[in-house]
Amino acid sequence: MKISTAAFFFIAAVSAPALAAGQATFDQKSGAGSLTESVKAAKSGVPAASPAVKGPVAPGLCIFSSAAGGPLSEAEFSAVAGGADALFAGETHDQMNDHLAQLEALKALAAARGEKVAVGFEMLNLTLQPVLDEYASGAISESEFLLKADWKKEWGFDFKLYKPLFDLIREKKLKALALNLPKKVVSKIARVGLAGLTPEERQYLPARVDITKNEAYIKYMRQTYEGHGKSRAAGTYARFLRDYILGAGTRAGMGDFTFENYLAAMSAWNETMGSRLADFLNANPGYAGLAVAGSGHVIYNAGIPASVASRTSGLRLVSFYPQEASTCPAALPAGDAGLADYVWYLDHREAKK
């Protein structure tokens, strides 16, 4: 499903030479300011100087349009991200550069919309919305938030990876949304299907839950279900998904559910997150939304993007898929076209160390 709009027609004019001089390396030492220095360094071939005060590693600007095939300049990225009504930024959960890329997207939205931005998090289930409201508004401290949200158990990945996003939300007085379906409900669907839910469990889901019919996405999900696939991402996500649904260390329990129920669980998961964001945008005209979620919920525009698209009208929807790469490619690899509206190449070497 293609969801980019004609509002971004200028992307077609972007040509590969725009970043040709900067395809060799990613900047791994600069601070977390704007992308300008990374772009200038790439074009000149000279690494950007490290600032006196070190911050998080900058993600680098290496983004290609799936439709046009060309790279985005910084100005074009700002126009695309800032011009979106709903922006979907995927992640590999343990990769800092992926989260810093999400931060750049959020900065673009905030620059364009001011305080009228809502950031939706997969990391928090919808029952935690009151706690998230307290933290986003500054009513409670970070330590209180982590305790009340039971972050370590609820999500598990280091909060420092997400802290820059939350810091900007608090600084700019943005809205924050808890998008996720409670784990126990995802697990129940995976084992017994949607029909096996009790009325109490069903209340967490939207009234309509569509099982995806996107062939590429179904193939991707079957790879995660069977635990194979050519890409590292497929294997990584399969492990995460199984652990999330069944609980860590229970992979042997895969035989307890069918692929049909597995796909239903993922679809319900996506539909819940998509409906949460769509409901907010429908109720708050003029706001833009950013969905922060795993790449498996964004890939092929078949997860959260498809759900939001089916529940809204007239909105500009844009998706970014983070693709691991040690260097910025000279051109968009043919096999990556269609992963999302835009593919953002990010270096994961630091995390691997």
Protein backbone atom coordinates (compact mmCIF):
# COMPACT_ATOMS: atom_id res chain seq x y z
CA MET A 1 0.00 0.00 0.00
CA LYS A 2 1.53 3.32 -1.08
CA ILE A 3 0.72 6.21 1.20
CA SER A 4 3.05 9.05 0.14
CA THR A 5 1.17 11.98 -1.32
CA ALA A 6 1.65 14.40 -4.17
CA ALA A 7 2.52 17.03 -1.58
CA PHE A 8 6.05 15.73 -1.82
CA PHE A 9 6.28 15.91 -5.61
CA PHE A 10 9.60 17.70 -5.46
CA ILE A 11 11.32 14.49 -4.34
CA ALA A 12 11.23 13.22 -7.90
CA ALA A 13 13.72 15.92 -8.82
CA VAL A 14 16.32 14.70 -6.35
CA SER A 15 19.28 13.06 -8.07
CA ALA A 16 21.89 10.66 -6.72
CA PRO A 17 24.81 13.13 -7.07
CA ALA A 18 23.31 15.22 -4.26
CA LEU A 19 25.03 12.99 -1.71
CA ALA A 20 27.48 11.23 -4.01
CA ALA A 21 30.49 12.76 -2.31
CA GLY A 22 29.30 11.53 1.05
CA GLN A 23 28.55 7.86 0.42
CA ALA A 24 31.74 6.50 2.00
CA THR A 25 31.19 6.89 5.73
CA PHE A 26 28.80 7.76 8.50
CA ASP A 27 29.83 10.34 11.10
CA GLN A 28 30.25 8.41 14.36
CA LYS A 29 31.72 11.14 16.59
CA SER A 30 29.69 14.29 16.20
CA GLY A 31 27.18 15.50 18.76
CA ALA A 32 23.42 15.20 18.50
CA GLY A 33 22.74 18.63 17.00
CA SER A 34 21.23 19.14 13.56
CA LEU A 35 22.18 17.00 10.59
CA THR A 36 23.95 19.93 8.92
CA GLU A 37 27.49 19.08 9.99
CA SER A 38 27.14 15.45 8.95
CA VAL A 39 25.98 16.54 5.49
CA LYS A 40 28.72 19.15 5.11
CA ALA A 41 31.36 16.65 6.18
CA ALA A 42 30.02 14.06 3.77
CA LYS A 43 30.13 16.47 0.83
CA SER A 44 33.63 17.71 1.65
CA GLY A 45 35.06 14.32 2.50
CA VAL A 46 36.42 15.73 5.79
CA PRO A 47 34.98 14.37 9.06
CA ALA A 48 33.10 16.92 11.15
CA ALA A 49 35.00 18.05 14.25
CA SER A 50 33.81 16.70 17.58
CA PRO A 51 32.21 19.34 19.80
CA ALA A 52 33.76 20.26 23.13
CA VAL A 53 30.86 18.63 24.95
CA LYS A 54 30.11 15.17 23.62
CA GLY A 55 26.53 14.09 23.13
CA PRO A 56 24.91 10.98 21.66
CA VAL A 57 26.18 9.72 18.32
CA ALA A 58 24.54 11.53 15.39
CA PRO A 59 22.56 9.27 13.04
CA GLY A 60 23.90 10.74 9.79
CA LEU A 61 21.76 11.77 6.82
CA CYS A 62 21.44 8.93 4.35
CA ILE A 63 17.80 8.72 3.29
CA PHE A 64 16.41 7.54 -0.03
CA SER A 65 12.93 7.90 -1.51
CA SER A 66 11.40 4.57 -2.49
CA ALA A 67 9.34 6.28 -5.19
CA ALA A 68 12.01 8.47 -6.76
CA GLY A 69 15.05 6.39 -5.84
CA GLY A 70 17.12 9.46 -5.00
CA PRO A 71 18.59 10.71 -1.71
CA LEU A 72 17.15 13.51 0.39
CA SER A 73 19.04 16.66 1.25
CA GLU A 74 18.64 18.07 4.73
CA ALA A 75 16.16 20.67 3.51
CA GLU A 76 14.12 18.05 1.70
CA PHE A 77 14.09 15.79 4.74
CA SER A 78 12.81 18.68 6.87
CA ALA A 79 10.07 19.40 4.31
CA VAL A 80 9.00 15.76 4.05
CA ALA A 81 9.05 14.99 7.78
CA GLY A 82 7.74 18.38 8.85
CA GLY A 83 4.99 18.29 6.26
CA ALA A 84 3.55 14.98 7.43
CA ASP A 85 0.31 14.68 9.34
CA ALA A 86 1.24 11.17 10.46
CA LEU A 87 4.84 10.03 10.42
CA PHE A 88 5.89 6.43 11.09
CA ALA A 89 9.50 5.98 12.20
CA GLY A 90 10.64 2.40 12.63
CA GLU A 91 13.46 1.15 14.80
CA THR A 92 15.59 -1.78 15.76
CA HIS A 93 14.95 -1.48 19.47
CA ASP A 94 18.54 -1.63 20.76
CA GLN A 95 20.07 0.74 18.18
CA MET A 96 20.78 4.28 19.38
CA ASN A 97 21.17 5.68 15.87
CA ASP A 98 17.66 4.52 15.01
CA HIS A 99 16.31 6.46 17.96
CA LEU A 100 18.34 9.53 17.05
CA ALA A 101 16.87 9.32 13.56
CA GLN A 102 13.42 9.30 15.17
CA LEU A 103 14.51 12.35 17.16
CA GLU A 104 15.41 14.22 13.96
CA ALA A 105 11.97 13.40 12.57
CA LEU A 106 10.36 14.69 15.77
CA LYS A 107 12.40 17.90 15.60
CA ALA A 108 11.15 18.47 12.06
CA LEU A 109 7.54 17.94 13.13
CA ALA A 110 7.91 20.24 16.13
CA ALA A 111 9.54 22.93 13.99
CA ALA A 112 6.58 22.78 11.60
CA ARG A 113 3.69 22.35 14.07
CA GLY A 114 4.91 23.84 17.32
CA GLU A 115 3.15 22.22 20.28
CA LYS A 116 0.61 20.49 18.04
CA VAL A 117 2.49 17.20 17.88
CA ALA A 118 1.63 13.87 19.50
CA VAL A 119 4.22 11.13 19.83
CA GLY A 120 2.87 7.61 20.07
CA PHE A 121 5.00 4.92 21.72
CA GLU A 122 4.86 1.18 21.15
CA MET A 123 6.89 0.89 24.36
CA LEU A 124 3.89 1.64 26.61
CA ASN A 125 0.56 -0.16 26.64
CA LEU A 126 -2.62 1.90 26.60
CA THR A 127 -3.40 1.31 30.29
CA LEU A 128 -0.32 3.42 31.10
CA GLN A 129 -1.67 6.58 29.44
CA PRO A 130 -2.28 8.36 32.79
CA VAL A 131 1.32 7.72 33.86
CA LEU A 132 2.62 8.91 30.49
CA ASP A 133 0.52 12.06 30.77
CA GLU A 134 2.09 12.81 34.14
CA TYR A 135 5.60 12.37 32.83
CA ALA A 136 5.09 14.26 29.56
CA SER A 137 3.62 17.22 31.44
CA GLY A 138 6.50 17.30 33.95
CA ALA A 139 4.29 16.35 36.90
CA ILE A 140 6.55 13.41 37.83
CA SER A 141 10.28 12.79 37.52
CA GLU A 142 11.98 10.32 35.25
CA SER A 143 12.63 7.90 38.09
CA GLU A 144 8.98 8.09 39.18
CA PHE A 145 7.87 7.47 35.61
CA LEU A 146 10.09 4.44 35.18
CA LEU A 147 8.79 3.01 38.45
CA LYS A 148 5.10 3.72 37.79
CA ALA A 149 5.30 2.44 34.21
CA ASP A 150 7.35 -0.59 35.30
CA TRP A 151 9.53 0.18 32.29
CA LYS A 152 11.99 -2.63 32.80
CA LYS A 153 9.28 -5.28 32.85
CA GLU A 154 6.89 -3.58 30.43
CA TRP A 155 9.49 -2.93 27.73
CA GLY A 156 12.95 -3.98 28.88
CA PHE A 157 15.17 -2.00 26.54
CA ASP A 158 17.39 0.66 28.10
CA PHE A 159 15.39 3.84 28.71
CA LYS A 160 18.45 5.90 27.73
CA LEU A 161 17.74 4.93 24.13
CA TYR A 162 14.39 6.73 24.32
CA LYS A 163 15.29 9.52 26.72
CA PRO A 164 16.13 12.12 24.01
CA LEU A 165 12.63 11.71 22.58
CA PHE A 166 10.96 12.11 25.97
CA ASP A 167 13.21 15.07 26.83
CA LEU A 168 12.11 16.89 23.68
CA ILE A 169 8.45 16.10 24.38
CA ARG A 170 8.74 17.62 27.84
CA GLU A 171 10.77 20.60 26.62
CA LYS A 172 8.40 21.44 23.76
CA LYS A 173 5.23 20.57 25.70
CA LEU A 174 4.14 17.96 23.15
CA LYS A 175 1.54 15.25 23.63
CA ALA A 176 2.49 11.63 24.22
CA LEU A 177 0.37 8.55 23.51
CA ALA A 178 0.65 5.03 24.90
CA LEU A 179 -0.15 2.92 21.84
CA ASN A 180 0.48 -0.68 22.71
CA LEU A 181 -1.84 -3.59 23.35
CA PRO A 182 -1.17 -5.28 26.73
CA LYS A 183 1.21 -8.22 26.34
CA LYS A 184 -1.25 -10.66 27.88
CA VAL A 185 -3.78 -9.92 25.14
CA VAL A 186 -1.23 -10.31 22.33
CA SER A 187 -0.18 -13.64 23.82
CA LYS A 188 -3.77 -14.81 24.21
CA ILE A 189 -4.57 -14.09 20.55
CA ALA A 190 -1.44 -15.92 19.43
CA ARG A 191 -2.57 -19.01 21.29
CA VAL A 192 -6.34 -19.10 20.78
CA GLY A 193 -7.12 -16.48 18.14
CA LEU A 194 -9.32 -13.39 18.32
CA ALA A 195 -12.41 -15.51 18.93
CA GLY A 196 -10.88 -16.85 22.14
CA LEU A 197 -10.70 -13.48 23.89
CA THR A 198 -12.96 -12.72 26.82
CA PRO A 199 -15.06 -9.50 26.76
CA GLU A 200 -12.61 -8.02 29.28
CA GLU A 201 -9.66 -8.75 26.98
CA ARG A 202 -11.50 -7.60 23.86
CA GLN A 203 -12.09 -4.14 25.36
CA TYR A 204 -8.45 -3.23 24.70
CA LEU A 205 -8.87 -3.72 20.93
CA PRO A 206 -10.57 -1.38 18.48
CA ALA A 207 -14.05 -2.39 17.32
CA ARG A 208 -12.65 -3.34 13.93
CA VAL A 209 -9.55 -5.53 13.63
CA ASP A 210 -8.47 -6.29 10.07
CA ILE A 211 -6.10 -9.17 9.42
CA THR A 212 -3.50 -7.93 6.95
CA LYS A 213 -3.74 -9.12 3.37
CA ASN A 214 -0.46 -7.53 2.28
CA GLU A 215 1.42 -10.39 0.61
CA ALA A 216 4.89 -9.00 1.27
CA TYR A 217 4.06 -8.46 4.92
CA ILE A 218 2.56 -11.94 5.30
CA LYS A 219 5.75 -13.40 3.83
CA TYR A 220 7.81 -11.32 6.25
CA MET A 221 5.70 -12.48 9.18
CA ARG A 222 6.03 -16.10 8.12
CA GLN A 223 9.81 -15.66 8.18
CA THR A 224 9.64 -14.34 11.74
CA TYR A 225 7.30 -17.20 12.70
CA GLU A 226 9.60 -19.83 11.26
CA GLY A 227 12.72 -18.10 12.57
CA HIS A 228 14.53 -17.76 9.29
CA GLY A 229 15.16 -15.16 6.65
CA LYS A 230 18.05 -13.74 4.71
CA SER A 231 18.23 -10.51 6.67
CA ARG A 232 19.62 -10.01 10.15
CA ALA A 233 16.58 -7.86 10.88
CA ALA A 234 14.20 -10.75 10.23
CA GLY A 235 16.03 -12.98 12.70
CA THR A 236 16.31 -10.24 15.32
CA TYR A 237 12.66 -9.33 15.08
CA ALA A 238 11.59 -12.97 15.18
CA ARG A 239 13.39 -13.43 18.50
CA PHE A 240 11.92 -10.24 19.93
CA LEU A 241 8.42 -11.06 18.72
CA ARG A 242 8.45 -14.56 20.16
CA ASP A 243 9.78 -13.36 23.47
CA TYR A 244 7.23 -10.54 23.57
CA ILE A 245 4.32 -12.87 22.85
CA LEU A 246 5.34 -15.93 24.82
CA GLY A 247 7.76 -14.58 27.39
CA ALA A 248 11.55 -14.79 27.37
CA GLY A 249 12.99 -18.27 27.23
CA THR A 250 9.82 -19.98 26.00
CA ARG A 251 10.64 -20.37 22.30
CA ALA A 252 9.89 -24.06 22.62
CA GLY A 253 6.27 -23.02 23.01
CA MET A 254 6.05 -22.06 19.33
CA GLY A 255 4.14 -25.27 18.73
CA ASP A 256 1.32 -24.00 20.94
CA PHE A 257 -0.07 -21.72 18.22
CA THR A 258 -0.61 -21.63 14.48
CA PHE A 259 0.66 -19.16 11.94
CA GLU A 260 -2.91 -17.93 11.43
CA ASN A 261 -3.20 -17.02 15.10
CA TYR A 262 0.34 -15.61 15.08
CA LEU A 263 -0.61 -13.32 12.19
CA ALA A 264 -3.87 -12.40 13.94
CA ALA A 265 -1.92 -11.43 17.06
CA MET A 266 0.38 -9.18 15.05
CA SER A 267 -2.53 -7.66 13.14
CA ALA A 268 -4.42 -6.93 16.36
CA TRP A 269 -1.25 -5.41 17.78
CA ASN A 270 -0.87 -3.16 14.73
CA GLU A 271 -4.56 -2.28 14.61
CA THR A 272 -4.60 -1.24 18.26
CA MET A 273 -1.61 1.06 17.83
CA GLY A 274 -2.93 2.45 14.56
CA SER A 275 -6.38 3.13 15.97
CA ARG A 276 -4.94 4.89 19.00
CA LEU A 277 -3.01 7.31 16.79
CA ALA A 278 -5.82 7.69 14.26
CA ASP A 279 -8.40 8.42 16.98
CA PHE A 280 -6.20 11.19 18.36
CA LEU A 281 -5.61 12.77 14.95
CA ASN A 282 -9.31 12.60 14.06
CA ALA A 283 -10.22 14.26 17.36
CA ASN A 284 -7.52 16.93 17.13
CA PRO A 285 -7.43 18.58 13.69
CA GLY A 286 -4.20 20.45 13.02
CA TYR A 287 -2.08 18.05 15.05
CA ALA A 288 0.61 15.84 13.56
CA GLY A 289 1.46 12.42 14.95
CA LEU A 290 4.71 10.47 15.14
CA ALA A 291 4.54 6.71 15.73
CA VAL A 292 7.68 5.35 17.40
CA ALA A 293 7.63 1.59 16.90
CA GLY A 294 9.62 -1.41 15.81
CA SER A 295 10.38 -1.75 12.12
CA GLY A 296 8.14 -4.80 11.93
CA HIS A 297 5.16 -2.52 12.56
CA VAL A 298 6.19 -0.13 9.75
CA ILE A 299 7.66 -2.32 7.00
CA TYR A 300 5.81 -2.28 3.66
CA ASN A 301 3.38 0.26 5.15
CA ALA A 302 1.35 -2.77 6.17
CA GLY A 303 1.20 -2.42 9.94
CA ILE A 304 0.52 0.82 11.79
CA PRO A 305 0.60 2.94 8.59
CA ALA A 306 -2.10 0.81 6.96
CA SER A 307 -4.24 0.96 10.09
CA VAL A 308 -4.02 4.75 10.31
CA ALA A 309 -4.69 5.10 6.59
CA SER A 310 -7.87 3.03 6.90
CA ARG A 311 -9.16 5.12 9.80
CA THR A 312 -8.41 8.65 8.56
CA SER A 313 -8.88 10.65 5.38
CA GLY A 314 -7.09 13.58 3.81
CA LEU A 315 -3.95 13.21 5.90
CA ARG A 316 -0.38 13.17 4.60
CA LEU A 317 1.17 9.90 5.74
CA VAL A 318 4.91 9.27 5.56
CA SER A 319 6.95 6.25 6.68
CA PHE A 320 10.68 5.81 7.35
CA TYR A 321 12.27 2.38 7.54
CA PRO A 322 15.72 2.16 9.23
CA GLN A 323 18.03 -0.13 7.29
CA GLU A 324 21.33 -1.26 8.71
CA ALA A 325 24.37 -0.28 6.64
CA SER A 326 28.03 0.32 7.50
CA THR A 327 28.29 2.86 4.67
CA CYS A 328 25.79 5.02 2.85
CA PRO A 329 25.00 3.39 -0.51
CA ALA A 330 25.59 5.31 -3.75
CA ALA A 331 22.05 4.48 -4.86
CA LEU A 332 18.94 2.91 -3.39
CA PRO A 333 19.43 -0.88 -3.51
CA ALA A 334 16.73 -2.45 -5.67
CA GLY A 335 15.72 -4.86 -2.94
CA ASP A 336 15.04 -2.02 -0.49
CA ALA A 337 12.55 -0.12 -2.62
CA GLY A 338 9.15 -0.51 -1.04
CA LEU A 339 10.32 -1.14 2.53
CA ALA A 340 8.64 2.19 3.33
CA ASP A 341 8.17 5.57 1.68
CA TYR A 342 11.74 6.41 2.67
CA VAL A 343 14.62 4.16 3.66
CA TRP A 344 17.08 5.60 6.19
CA TYR A 345 20.48 3.86 6.24
CA LEU A 346 21.98 3.79 9.72
CA ASP A 347 25.23 2.41 11.10
CA HIS A 348 24.76 -0.10 13.92
CA ARG A 349 28.44 -0.81 14.55
CA GLU A 350 28.59 1.05 17.85
CA ALA A 351 25.89 -1.13 19.40
CA LYS A 352 27.54 -4.28 18.08
CA LYS A 353 30.74 -3.41 19.93
